[in-house]
């Protein structure tokens, strides 16, 4: 039989693993599309 402490520990490990996987996917795999209106050229945005 699983004790309550083991159950809570397993739940916390699963939650930490899910957050770690989400972080890795967002950081390295999923690349958001950059807006064409970013201040990187002569588009007259006045931010430089």
PDB file of N, CA and C in Angstrom:
ATOM      1  N   UNK A   1       0.841  -1.188   0.000  1.00  0.00           N
ATOM      2  CA  UNK A   1       0.000   0.000   0.000  1.00  0.00           C
ATOM      3  C   UNK A   1       0.882   1.246   0.000  1.00  0.00           C
ATOM      4  N   UNK A   2       0.479   2.226  -0.779  1.00  0.00           N
ATOM      5  CA  UNK A   2       1.239   3.460  -0.907  1.00  0.00           C
ATOM      6  C   UNK A   2       0.863   4.396   0.233  1.00  0.00           C
ATOM      7  N   UNK A   3       1.865   4.895   0.915  1.00  0.00           N
ATOM      8  CA  UNK A   3       1.594   5.832   2.001  1.00  0.00           C
ATOM      9  C   UNK A   3       1.282   7.208   1.432  1.00  0.00           C
ATOM     10  N   UNK A   4       0.742   8.061   2.269  1.00  0.00           N
ATOM     11  CA  UNK A   4       0.361   9.403   1.822  1.00  0.00           C
ATOM     12  C   UNK A   4       1.583  10.224   1.436  1.00  0.00           C
ATOM     13  N   UNK A   5       2.707  10.061   2.150  1.00  0.00           N
ATOM     14  CA  UNK A   5       3.913  10.812   1.823  1.00  0.00           C
ATOM     15  C   UNK A   5       4.446  10.424   0.452  1.00  0.00           C
ATOM     16  N   UNK A   6       4.402   9.149   0.114  1.00  0.00           N
ATOM     17  CA  UNK A   6       4.870   8.698  -1.190  1.00  0.00           C
ATOM     18  C   UNK A   6       3.965   9.228  -2.289  1.00  0.00           C
ATOM     19  N   UNK A   7       2.670   9.260  -2.034  1.00  0.00           N
ATOM     20  CA  UNK A   7       1.722   9.775  -3.018  1.00  0.00           C
ATOM     21  C   UNK A   7       1.974  11.260  -3.285  1.00  0.00           C
ATOM     22  N   UNK A   8       2.141  12.040  -2.236  1.00  0.00           N
ATOM     23  CA  UNK A   8       2.413  13.472  -2.395  1.00  0.00           C
ATOM     24  C   UNK A   8       3.746  13.679  -3.109  1.00  0.00           C
ATOM     25  N   UNK A   9       4.739  12.906  -2.768  1.00  0.00           N
ATOM     26  CA  UNK A   9       6.046  13.011  -3.406  1.00  0.00           C
ATOM     27  C   UNK A   9       5.944  12.703  -4.905  1.00  0.00           C
ATOM     28  N   UNK A  10       5.204  11.675  -5.256  1.00  0.00           N
ATOM     29  CA  UNK A  10       5.042  11.323  -6.667  1.00  0.00           C
ATOM     30  C   UNK A  10       4.304  12.415  -7.434  1.00  0.00           C
ATOM     31  N   UNK A  11       3.293  12.995  -6.824  1.00  0.00           N
ATOM     32  CA  UNK A  11       2.558  14.081  -7.471  1.00  0.00           C
ATOM     33  C   UNK A  11       3.481  15.275  -7.706  1.00  0.00           C
ATOM     34  N   UNK A  12       4.290  15.621  -6.729  1.00  0.00           N
ATOM     35  CA  UNK A  12       5.213  16.747  -6.877  1.00  0.00           C
ATOM     36  C   UNK A  12       6.263  16.477  -7.947  1.00  0.00           C
ATOM     37  N   UNK A  13       6.746  15.261  -8.037  1.00  0.00           N
ATOM     38  CA  UNK A  13       7.722  14.907  -9.062  1.00  0.00           C
ATOM     39  C   UNK A  13       7.101  15.024 -10.452  1.00  0.00           C
ATOM     40  N   UNK A  14       5.875  14.568 -10.606  1.00  0.00           N
ATOM     41  CA  UNK A  14       5.207  14.656 -11.905  1.00  0.00           C
ATOM     42  C   UNK A  14       4.982  16.122 -12.287  1.00  0.00           C
ATOM     43  N   UNK A  15       4.568  16.941 -11.338  1.00  0.00           N
ATOM     44  CA  UNK A  15       4.358  18.361 -11.617  1.00  0.00           C
ATOM     45  C   UNK A  15       5.675  19.026 -12.023  1.00  0.00           C
ATOM     46  N   UNK A  16       6.753  18.734 -11.315  1.00  0.00           N
ATOM     47  CA  UNK A  16       8.054  19.308 -11.661  1.00  0.00           C
ATOM     48  C   UNK A  16       8.515  18.849 -13.038  1.00  0.00           C
ATOM     49  N   UNK A  17       8.266  17.600 -13.361  1.00  0.00           N
ATOM     50  CA  UNK A  17       8.642  17.070 -14.670  1.00  0.00           C
ATOM     51  C   UNK A  17       7.850  17.759 -15.784  1.00  0.00           C
ATOM     52  N   UNK A  18       6.566  17.975 -15.562  1.00  0.00           N
ATOM     53  CA  UNK A  18       5.744  18.651 -16.567  1.00  0.00           C
ATOM     54  C   UNK A  18       6.240  20.080 -16.786  1.00  0.00           C
ATOM     55  N   UNK A  19       6.532  20.792 -15.709  1.00  0.00           N
ATOM     56  CA  UNK A  19       7.051  22.146 -15.854  1.00  0.00           C
ATOM     57  C   UNK A  19       8.398  22.161 -16.567  1.00  0.00           C
ATOM     58  N   UNK A  20       9.256  21.203 -16.279  1.00  0.00           N
ATOM     59  CA  UNK A  20      10.558  21.132 -16.941  1.00  0.00           C
ATOM     60  C   UNK A  20      10.403  20.863 -18.433  1.00  0.00           C
ATOM     61  N   UNK A  21       9.505  19.966 -18.796  1.00  0.00           N
ATOM     62  CA  UNK A  21       9.290  19.657 -20.217  1.00  0.00           C
ATOM     63  C   UNK A  21       8.712  20.874 -20.937  1.00  0.00           C
ATOM     64  N   UNK A  22       7.769  21.562 -20.314  1.00  0.00           N
ATOM     65  CA  UNK A  22       7.204  22.763 -20.928  1.00  0.00           C
ATOM     66  C   UNK A  22       8.286  23.821 -21.120  1.00  0.00           C
ATOM     67  N   UNK A  23       9.160  23.993 -20.131  1.00  0.00           N
ATOM     68  CA  UNK A  23      10.237  24.972 -20.241  1.00  0.00           C
ATOM     69  C   UNK A  23      11.182  24.626 -21.388  1.00  0.00           C
ATOM     70  N   UNK A  24      11.584  23.367 -21.486  1.00  0.00           N
ATOM     71  CA  UNK A  24      12.500  22.943 -22.545  1.00  0.00           C
ATOM     72  C   UNK A  24      11.868  23.141 -23.921  1.00  0.00           C
ATOM     73  N   UNK A  25      10.594  22.783 -24.050  1.00  0.00           N
ATOM     74  CA  UNK A  25       9.920  22.928 -25.343  1.00  0.00           C
ATOM     75  C   UNK A  25       9.830  24.400 -25.725  1.00  0.00           C
ATOM     76  N   UNK A  26       9.467  25.254 -24.790  1.00  0.00           N
ATOM     77  CA  UNK A  26       9.331  26.676 -25.111  1.00  0.00           C
ATOM     78  C   UNK A  26      10.679  27.329 -25.353  1.00  0.00           C
ATOM     79  N   UNK A  27      11.714  26.870 -24.670  1.00  0.00           N
ATOM     80  CA  UNK A  27      13.026  27.512 -24.781  1.00  0.00           C
ATOM     81  C   UNK A  27      13.766  27.095 -26.041  1.00  0.00           C
ATOM     82  N   UNK A  28      13.731  25.809 -26.388  1.00  0.00           N
ATOM     83  CA  UNK A  28      14.602  25.315 -27.441  1.00  0.00           C
ATOM     84  C   UNK A  28      13.880  24.818 -28.686  1.00  0.00           C
ATOM     85  N   UNK A  29      12.687  24.313 -28.570  1.00  0.00           N
ATOM     86  CA  UNK A  29      12.036  23.684 -29.717  1.00  0.00           C
ATOM     87  C   UNK A  29      11.061  24.640 -30.386  1.00  0.00           C
ATOM     88  N   UNK A  30      10.161  25.225 -29.613  1.00  0.00           N
ATOM     89  CA  UNK A  30       9.134  26.094 -30.175  1.00  0.00           C
ATOM     90  C   UNK A  30       9.698  27.493 -30.357  1.00  0.00           C
ATOM     91  N   UNK A  31       9.788  27.934 -31.606  1.00  0.00           N
ATOM     92  CA  UNK A  31      10.282  29.272 -31.896  1.00  0.00           C
ATOM     93  C   UNK A  31       9.116  30.143 -32.324  1.00  0.00           C
ATOM     94  N   UNK A  32       8.794  31.171 -31.556  1.00  0.00           N
ATOM     95  CA  UNK A  32       7.685  32.047 -31.950  1.00  0.00           C
ATOM     96  C   UNK A  32       8.047  32.853 -33.196  1.00  0.00           C
ATOM     97  N   UNK A  33       7.065  33.101 -34.018  1.00  0.00           N
ATOM     98  CA  UNK A  33       7.311  33.887 -35.223  1.00  0.00           C
ATOM     99  C   UNK A  33       7.485  35.348 -34.826  1.00  0.00           C
ATOM    100  N   UNK A  34       8.530  35.952 -35.342  1.00  0.00           N
ATOM    101  CA  UNK A  34       8.803  37.345 -35.012  1.00  0.00           C
ATOM    102  C   UNK A  34       7.975  38.248 -35.914  1.00  0.00           C
ATOM    103  N   UNK A  35       7.538  39.329 -35.330  1.00  0.00           N
ATOM    104  CA  UNK A  35       6.724  40.279 -36.069  1.00  0.00           C
ATOM    105  C   UNK A  35       7.580  41.004 -37.105  1.00  0.00           C
ATOM    106  N   UNK A  36       6.982  41.279 -38.242  1.00  0.00           N
ATOM    107  CA  UNK A  36       7.689  42.011 -39.292  1.00  0.00           C
ATOM    108  C   UNK A  36       7.840  43.486 -38.932  1.00  0.00           C
ATOM    109  N   UNK A  37       7.078  43.951 -37.947  1.00  0.00           N
ATOM    110  CA  UNK A  37       7.123  45.354 -37.561  1.00  0.00           C
ATOM    111  C   UNK A  37       8.079  45.603 -36.405  1.00  0.00           C
ATOM    112  N   UNK A  38       8.972  44.675 -36.135  1.00  0.00           N
ATOM    113  CA  UNK A  38       9.943  44.859 -35.058  1.00  0.00           C
ATOM    114  C   UNK A  38      10.919  45.962 -35.434  1.00  0.00           C
ATOM    115  N   UNK A  39      11.409  46.655 -34.447  1.00  0.00           N
ATOM    116  CA  UNK A  39      12.327  47.768 -34.694  1.00  0.00           C
ATOM    117  C   UNK A  39      13.704  47.225 -35.045  1.00  0.00           C
ATOM    118  N   UNK A  40      13.896  46.859 -36.274  1.00  0.00           N
ATOM    119  CA  UNK A  40      15.179  46.348 -36.705  1.00  0.00           C
ATOM    120  C   UNK A  40      15.635  46.983 -37.997  1.00  0.00           C
ATOM    121  N   UNK A  41      14.798  47.789 -38.586  1.00  0.00           N
ATOM    122  CA  UNK A  41      15.139  48.399 -39.861  1.00  0.00           C
ATOM    123  C   UNK A  41      14.649  49.827 -39.916  1.00  0.00           C
ATOM    124  N   UNK A  42      14.574  50.348 -41.105  1.00  0.00           N
ATOM    125  CA  UNK A  42      14.106  51.722 -41.306  1.00  0.00           C
ATOM    126  C   UNK A  42      12.605  51.733 -41.546  1.00  0.00           C
ATOM    127  N   UNK A  43      11.860  51.373 -40.529  1.00  0.00           N
ATOM    128  CA  UNK A  43      10.409  51.380 -40.674  1.00  0.00           C
ATOM    129  C   UNK A  43       9.771  52.592 -40.023  1.00  0.00           C
ATOM    130  N   UNK A  44      10.598  53.509 -39.513  1.00  0.00           N
ATOM    131  CA  UNK A  44      10.089  54.740 -38.952  1.00  0.00           C
ATOM    132  C   UNK A  44       9.376  54.581 -37.620  1.00  0.00           C
ATOM    133  N   UNK A  45       9.751  53.582 -36.841  1.00  0.00           N
ATOM    134  CA  UNK A  45       9.064  53.386 -35.565  1.00  0.00           C
ATOM    135  C   UNK A  45       9.567  54.351 -34.509  1.00  0.00           C
ATOM    136  N   UNK A  46      10.738  54.953 -34.689  1.00  0.00           N
ATOM    137  CA  UNK A  46      11.257  55.944 -33.763  1.00  0.00           C
ATOM    138  C   UNK A  46      11.749  55.383 -32.453  1.00  0.00           C
ATOM    139  N   UNK A  47      12.153  54.122 -32.447  1.00  0.00           N
ATOM    140  CA  UNK A  47      12.613  53.535 -31.177  1.00  0.00           C
ATOM    141  C   UNK A  47      14.130  53.508 -31.078  1.00  0.00           C
ATOM    142  N   UNK A  48      14.834  54.053 -32.059  1.00  0.00           N
ATOM    143  CA  UNK A  48      16.297  54.097 -31.996  1.00  0.00           C
ATOM    144  C   UNK A  48      16.779  55.521 -31.939  1.00  0.00           C
TER     145      UNK A  48
END
